[in-house]
């Protein structure tokens, strides 16, 4: 299990689920095949457009992490639930887990619980719809539990995968936000 944890920085956090013996990694789902030539795609019912706010209006206040989707060349998986929040204010952010409610991590049919009891702080800038995030500190830990196996992880290991670091696209409505970074998409709701 320790070897898989070392790979954490290079592969999404979801690779840790593979340590539980509850299934192996799967590849990212491929896109649907195009419609055969000469056929029209089915018409979709009209729906109101979903207007998004400018990114600088998204990165304010407190948001609850609802779900994350991680993908790399070798793995694809998700995590949802938990008590992780992100507070944005004055060009800085604090990502924090209260340590009470676990995220459910799923990869290749296997699952594990990840309870985050720590925090990370950093800064951000916005240019159009792009946010640039830089983590400054991380403290605390998380517990990964899969069946009877448990592993304690440092907060820096957790945030190296599901934290805010690097450039990403930011989109939100007043109540929901998505931050899409290189290897992970964070989905948040207004807390």
C-alpha atoms as a PDB file:
ATOM      1  CA  UNK A   1       0.000   0.000   0.000  1.00  0.00           C
ATOM      2  CA  UNK A   2       2.839   2.391   0.765  1.00  0.00           C
ATOM      3  CA  UNK A   3       4.090   2.169  -2.852  1.00  0.00           C
ATOM      4  CA  UNK A   4       0.668   3.266  -4.109  1.00  0.00           C
ATOM      5  CA  UNK A   5       0.771   6.224  -1.736  1.00  0.00           C
ATOM      6  CA  UNK A   6       4.112   7.338  -3.117  1.00  0.00           C
ATOM      7  CA  UNK A   7       2.498   7.426  -6.563  1.00  0.00           C
ATOM      8  CA  UNK A   8      -0.201   9.707  -5.161  1.00  0.00           C
ATOM      9  CA  UNK A   9       1.408  12.872  -6.454  1.00  0.00           C
ATOM     10  CA  UNK A  10       1.495  11.535 -10.006  1.00  0.00           C
ATOM     11  CA  UNK A  11      -1.846   9.710 -10.159  1.00  0.00           C
ATOM     12  CA  UNK A  12      -5.184  11.003  -8.878  1.00  0.00           C
ATOM     13  CA  UNK A  13      -6.106  10.202  -5.288  1.00  0.00           C
ATOM     14  CA  UNK A  14      -8.397   7.572  -6.674  1.00  0.00           C
ATOM     15  CA  UNK A  15      -5.417   5.288  -7.260  1.00  0.00           C
ATOM     16  CA  UNK A  16      -5.367   4.761  -3.520  1.00  0.00           C
ATOM     17  CA  UNK A  17      -8.565   2.778  -3.763  1.00  0.00           C
ATOM     18  CA  UNK A  18      -6.558   0.169  -5.645  1.00  0.00           C
ATOM     19  CA  UNK A  19      -4.708  -0.487  -2.388  1.00  0.00           C
ATOM     20  CA  UNK A  20      -7.839  -1.978  -0.880  1.00  0.00           C
ATOM     21  CA  UNK A  21      -7.874  -4.926  -3.240  1.00  0.00           C
ATOM     22  CA  UNK A  22     -11.413  -3.919  -4.242  1.00  0.00           C
ATOM     23  CA  UNK A  23     -10.866  -3.733  -7.943  1.00  0.00           C
ATOM     24  CA  UNK A  24      -8.309  -2.375 -10.342  1.00  0.00           C
ATOM     25  CA  UNK A  25      -7.915   0.806 -12.256  1.00  0.00           C
ATOM     26  CA  UNK A  26     -10.050   1.484 -15.276  1.00  0.00           C
ATOM     27  CA  UNK A  27      -9.408   3.766 -18.143  1.00  0.00           C
ATOM     28  CA  UNK A  28     -11.365   6.928 -18.707  1.00  0.00           C
ATOM     29  CA  UNK A  29     -14.606   6.335 -20.573  1.00  0.00           C
ATOM     30  CA  UNK A  30     -14.358   7.071 -24.263  1.00  0.00           C
ATOM     31  CA  UNK A  31     -16.681   9.493 -25.966  1.00  0.00           C
ATOM     32  CA  UNK A  32     -19.776   8.169 -27.704  1.00  0.00           C
ATOM     33  CA  UNK A  33     -19.486   7.091 -31.307  1.00  0.00           C
ATOM     34  CA  UNK A  34     -20.667   9.645 -33.866  1.00  0.00           C
ATOM     35  CA  UNK A  35     -24.056   9.162 -35.505  1.00  0.00           C
ATOM     36  CA  UNK A  36     -23.968   7.309 -38.839  1.00  0.00           C
ATOM     37  CA  UNK A  37     -23.644   9.539 -41.896  1.00  0.00           C
ATOM     38  CA  UNK A  38     -26.943  10.830 -43.212  1.00  0.00           C
ATOM     39  CA  UNK A  39     -28.776  10.643 -39.881  1.00  0.00           C
ATOM     40  CA  UNK A  40     -29.763  13.611 -37.822  1.00  0.00           C
ATOM     41  CA  UNK A  41     -29.132  13.577 -34.087  1.00  0.00           C
ATOM     42  CA  UNK A  42     -32.284  13.322 -31.973  1.00  0.00           C
ATOM     43  CA  UNK A  43     -33.733  16.683 -31.097  1.00  0.00           C
ATOM     44  CA  UNK A  44     -33.494  17.723 -27.499  1.00  0.00           C
ATOM     45  CA  UNK A  45     -36.277  19.548 -25.742  1.00  0.00           C
ATOM     46  CA  UNK A  46     -35.698  23.256 -25.427  1.00  0.00           C
ATOM     47  CA  UNK A  47     -34.364  24.267 -22.030  1.00  0.00           C
ATOM     48  CA  UNK A  48     -33.472  27.597 -20.550  1.00  0.00           C
ATOM     49  CA  UNK A  49     -29.806  28.486 -20.842  1.00  0.00           C
ATOM     50  CA  UNK A  50     -27.683  28.291 -17.738  1.00  0.00           C
ATOM     51  CA  UNK A  51     -26.018  31.666 -17.324  1.00  0.00           C
ATOM     52  CA  UNK A  52     -22.664  31.567 -15.572  1.00  0.00           C
ATOM     53  CA  UNK A  53     -21.056  34.294 -13.527  1.00  0.00           C
ATOM     54  CA  UNK A  54     -17.623  35.792 -14.184  1.00  0.00           C
ATOM     55  CA  UNK A  55     -14.889  33.729 -12.507  1.00  0.00           C
ATOM     56  CA  UNK A  56     -13.952  36.525 -10.107  1.00  0.00           C
ATOM     57  CA  UNK A  57     -17.517  36.406  -8.740  1.00  0.00           C
ATOM     58  CA  UNK A  58     -17.266  32.621  -8.335  1.00  0.00           C
ATOM     59  CA  UNK A  59     -14.163  32.710  -6.155  1.00  0.00           C
ATOM     60  CA  UNK A  60     -15.789  34.390  -3.169  1.00  0.00           C
ATOM     61  CA  UNK A  61     -17.368  33.001  -0.018  1.00  0.00           C
ATOM     62  CA  UNK A  62     -17.563  29.430   1.204  1.00  0.00           C
ATOM     63  CA  UNK A  63     -18.226  26.406  -1.004  1.00  0.00           C
ATOM     64  CA  UNK A  64     -18.846  22.750  -0.094  1.00  0.00           C
ATOM     65  CA  UNK A  65     -17.004  20.090  -2.124  1.00  0.00           C
ATOM     66  CA  UNK A  66     -19.777  17.924  -3.559  1.00  0.00           C
ATOM     67  CA  UNK A  67     -17.817  15.717  -5.937  1.00  0.00           C
ATOM     68  CA  UNK A  68     -14.497  15.409  -7.686  1.00  0.00           C
ATOM     69  CA  UNK A  69     -13.624  13.538 -10.844  1.00  0.00           C
ATOM     70  CA  UNK A  70     -10.011  12.597 -11.385  1.00  0.00           C
ATOM     71  CA  UNK A  71      -8.480  11.280 -14.571  1.00  0.00           C
ATOM     72  CA  UNK A  72      -5.026  10.527 -15.840  1.00  0.00           C
ATOM     73  CA  UNK A  73      -3.656   8.405 -18.650  1.00  0.00           C
ATOM     74  CA  UNK A  74      -4.097   5.302 -16.491  1.00  0.00           C
ATOM     75  CA  UNK A  75      -7.013   5.863 -14.107  1.00  0.00           C
ATOM     76  CA  UNK A  76     -10.457   7.396 -13.810  1.00  0.00           C
ATOM     77  CA  UNK A  77     -12.516   7.705 -10.671  1.00  0.00           C
ATOM     78  CA  UNK A  78     -14.634   9.882  -8.440  1.00  0.00           C
ATOM     79  CA  UNK A  79     -15.114  11.024  -4.897  1.00  0.00           C
ATOM     80  CA  UNK A  80     -18.243  12.513  -3.389  1.00  0.00           C
ATOM     81  CA  UNK A  81     -19.785  13.505  -0.100  1.00  0.00           C
ATOM     82  CA  UNK A  82     -17.732  14.450   2.927  1.00  0.00           C
ATOM     83  CA  UNK A  83     -17.311  17.679   4.854  1.00  0.00           C
ATOM     84  CA  UNK A  84     -14.622  19.448   2.826  1.00  0.00           C
ATOM     85  CA  UNK A  85     -15.170  23.162   2.251  1.00  0.00           C
ATOM     86  CA  UNK A  86     -13.246  25.864   0.414  1.00  0.00           C
ATOM     87  CA  UNK A  87     -13.409  29.498   1.517  1.00  0.00           C
ATOM     88  CA  UNK A  88     -12.277  32.176  -0.955  1.00  0.00           C
ATOM     89  CA  UNK A  89     -11.540  35.730   0.204  1.00  0.00           C
ATOM     90  CA  UNK A  90      -9.205  38.556  -0.827  1.00  0.00           C
ATOM     91  CA  UNK A  91      -7.114  36.523  -3.290  1.00  0.00           C
ATOM     92  CA  UNK A  92      -6.639  33.628  -0.862  1.00  0.00           C
ATOM     93  CA  UNK A  93      -8.335  30.338  -0.136  1.00  0.00           C
ATOM     94  CA  UNK A  94      -8.619  27.814   2.686  1.00  0.00           C
ATOM     95  CA  UNK A  95      -9.546  24.231   1.860  1.00  0.00           C
ATOM     96  CA  UNK A  96     -10.593  22.423   5.028  1.00  0.00           C
ATOM     97  CA  UNK A  97     -12.017  19.068   6.107  1.00  0.00           C
ATOM     98  CA  UNK A  98     -13.758  18.838   9.489  1.00  0.00           C
ATOM     99  CA  UNK A  99     -12.885  15.148   9.947  1.00  0.00           C
ATOM    100  CA  UNK A 100     -16.473  14.045  10.604  1.00  0.00           C
ATOM    101  CA  UNK A 101     -17.961  12.919   7.264  1.00  0.00           C
ATOM    102  CA  UNK A 102     -15.955  10.814   4.780  1.00  0.00           C
ATOM    103  CA  UNK A 103     -15.762  11.252   1.032  1.00  0.00           C
ATOM    104  CA  UNK A 104     -16.636   8.041  -0.787  1.00  0.00           C
ATOM    105  CA  UNK A 105     -13.878   7.328  -3.313  1.00  0.00           C
ATOM    106  CA  UNK A 106     -14.713   5.017  -6.236  1.00  0.00           C
ATOM    107  CA  UNK A 107     -12.289   3.526  -8.739  1.00  0.00           C
ATOM    108  CA  UNK A 108     -12.738   0.502 -10.948  1.00  0.00           C
ATOM    109  CA  UNK A 109     -15.708  -0.826  -9.006  1.00  0.00           C
ATOM    110  CA  UNK A 110     -13.870  -0.572  -5.682  1.00  0.00           C
ATOM    111  CA  UNK A 111     -14.565   2.024  -3.035  1.00  0.00           C
ATOM    112  CA  UNK A 112     -13.046   3.474   0.109  1.00  0.00           C
ATOM    113  CA  UNK A 113     -13.839   6.209   2.601  1.00  0.00           C
ATOM    114  CA  UNK A 114     -11.565   9.209   2.912  1.00  0.00           C
ATOM    115  CA  UNK A 115     -12.055  11.337   6.029  1.00  0.00           C
ATOM    116  CA  UNK A 116     -10.192  14.641   5.763  1.00  0.00           C
ATOM    117  CA  UNK A 117      -9.229  16.382   9.011  1.00  0.00           C
ATOM    118  CA  UNK A 118      -6.901  19.153   7.937  1.00  0.00           C
ATOM    119  CA  UNK A 119      -6.523  22.338   5.987  1.00  0.00           C
ATOM    120  CA  UNK A 120      -4.579  23.882   3.160  1.00  0.00           C
ATOM    121  CA  UNK A 121      -4.189  27.546   2.379  1.00  0.00           C
ATOM    122  CA  UNK A 122      -3.120  29.297  -0.766  1.00  0.00           C
ATOM    123  CA  UNK A 123      -3.591  32.192  -3.129  1.00  0.00           C
ATOM    124  CA  UNK A 124      -5.337  32.655  -6.447  1.00  0.00           C
ATOM    125  CA  UNK A 125      -5.559  35.083  -9.338  1.00  0.00           C
ATOM    126  CA  UNK A 126      -8.168  35.282 -12.074  1.00  0.00           C
ATOM    127  CA  UNK A 127      -7.747  36.092 -15.764  1.00  0.00           C
ATOM    128  CA  UNK A 128     -11.037  35.780 -17.633  1.00  0.00           C
ATOM    129  CA  UNK A 129     -12.429  32.306 -16.899  1.00  0.00           C
ATOM    130  CA  UNK A 130      -9.033  30.969 -15.781  1.00  0.00           C
ATOM    131  CA  UNK A 131      -8.018  30.763 -12.153  1.00  0.00           C
ATOM    132  CA  UNK A 132      -4.396  30.250 -11.150  1.00  0.00           C
ATOM    133  CA  UNK A 133      -4.033  28.627  -7.729  1.00  0.00           C
ATOM    134  CA  UNK A 134      -0.909  28.306  -5.570  1.00  0.00           C
ATOM    135  CA  UNK A 135      -0.945  26.316  -2.367  1.00  0.00           C
ATOM    136  CA  UNK A 136       1.085  27.890   0.451  1.00  0.00           C
ATOM    137  CA  UNK A 137       0.644  25.463   3.355  1.00  0.00           C
ATOM    138  CA  UNK A 138      -1.024  22.218   4.376  1.00  0.00           C
ATOM    139  CA  UNK A 139      -1.536  20.767   7.842  1.00  0.00           C
ATOM    140  CA  UNK A 140      -3.496  17.898   9.326  1.00  0.00           C
ATOM    141  CA  UNK A 141      -4.213  14.517   7.824  1.00  0.00           C
ATOM    142  CA  UNK A 142      -6.803  12.200   6.348  1.00  0.00           C
ATOM    143  CA  UNK A 143      -7.709   8.573   6.916  1.00  0.00           C
ATOM    144  CA  UNK A 144      -8.316   6.250   3.981  1.00  0.00           C
ATOM    145  CA  UNK A 145     -10.396   3.228   4.994  1.00  0.00           C
ATOM    146  CA  UNK A 146     -11.167   0.314   2.690  1.00  0.00           C
ATOM    147  CA  UNK A 147     -12.671  -2.647   4.480  1.00  0.00           C
ATOM    148  CA  UNK A 148     -10.522  -3.404   7.512  1.00  0.00           C
ATOM    149  CA  UNK A 149      -7.490  -1.585   6.055  1.00  0.00           C
ATOM    150  CA  UNK A 150      -6.772   1.969   7.157  1.00  0.00           C
ATOM    151  CA  UNK A 151      -4.024   4.329   6.089  1.00  0.00           C
ATOM    152  CA  UNK A 152      -3.185   7.777   7.471  1.00  0.00           C
ATOM    153  CA  UNK A 153      -2.219  10.331   4.803  1.00  0.00           C
ATOM    154  CA  UNK A 154      -0.722  13.781   5.236  1.00  0.00           C
ATOM    155  CA  UNK A 155      -2.795  16.714   4.073  1.00  0.00           C
ATOM    156  CA  UNK A 156      -0.082  17.576   1.546  1.00  0.00           C
ATOM    157  CA  UNK A 157      -0.670  14.161  -0.092  1.00  0.00           C
ATOM    158  CA  UNK A 158      -4.410  14.817  -0.308  1.00  0.00           C
ATOM    159  CA  UNK A 159      -4.100  18.334  -1.696  1.00  0.00           C
ATOM    160  CA  UNK A 160      -1.476  17.305  -4.235  1.00  0.00           C
ATOM    161  CA  UNK A 161      -4.344  15.547  -5.986  1.00  0.00           C
ATOM    162  CA  UNK A 162      -7.663  17.165  -5.011  1.00  0.00           C
ATOM    163  CA  UNK A 163      -6.353  20.521  -3.873  1.00  0.00           C
ATOM    164  CA  UNK A 164      -6.239  23.800  -5.724  1.00  0.00           C
ATOM    165  CA  UNK A 165      -2.910  24.019  -7.529  1.00  0.00           C
ATOM    166  CA  UNK A 166      -2.133  25.279 -11.022  1.00  0.00           C
ATOM    167  CA  UNK A 167      -4.327  26.774 -13.731  1.00  0.00           C
ATOM    168  CA  UNK A 168      -7.929  25.766 -14.233  1.00  0.00           C
ATOM    169  CA  UNK A 169     -11.170  26.846 -15.789  1.00  0.00           C
ATOM    170  CA  UNK A 170     -13.687  28.284 -13.333  1.00  0.00           C
ATOM    171  CA  UNK A 171     -17.421  28.386 -14.018  1.00  0.00           C
ATOM    172  CA  UNK A 172     -20.310  28.962 -11.643  1.00  0.00           C
ATOM    173  CA  UNK A 173     -23.900  29.940 -11.087  1.00  0.00           C
ATOM    174  CA  UNK A 174     -24.902  31.577  -7.804  1.00  0.00           C
ATOM    175  CA  UNK A 175     -25.208  28.125  -6.160  1.00  0.00           C
ATOM    176  CA  UNK A 176     -22.848  25.740  -8.018  1.00  0.00           C
ATOM    177  CA  UNK A 177     -19.235  25.964  -9.190  1.00  0.00           C
ATOM    178  CA  UNK A 178     -16.867  23.801 -11.214  1.00  0.00           C
ATOM    179  CA  UNK A 179     -13.089  24.189 -11.164  1.00  0.00           C
ATOM    180  CA  UNK A 180     -11.429  22.107 -13.888  1.00  0.00           C
ATOM    181  CA  UNK A 181      -7.713  21.595 -13.329  1.00  0.00           C
ATOM    182  CA  UNK A 182      -5.340  19.372 -15.334  1.00  0.00           C
ATOM    183  CA  UNK A 183      -6.099  16.052 -13.610  1.00  0.00           C
ATOM    184  CA  UNK A 184      -9.175  16.774 -11.509  1.00  0.00           C
ATOM    185  CA  UNK A 185     -12.534  18.524 -11.764  1.00  0.00           C
ATOM    186  CA  UNK A 186     -13.930  19.862  -8.491  1.00  0.00           C
ATOM    187  CA  UNK A 187     -17.701  20.342  -8.213  1.00  0.00           C
ATOM    188  CA  UNK A 188     -18.835  22.573  -5.377  1.00  0.00           C
ATOM    189  CA  UNK A 189     -22.067  24.024  -3.997  1.00  0.00           C
ATOM    190  CA  UNK A 190     -22.531  27.269  -2.110  1.00  0.00           C
ATOM    191  CA  UNK A 191     -22.250  26.539   1.620  1.00  0.00           C
END
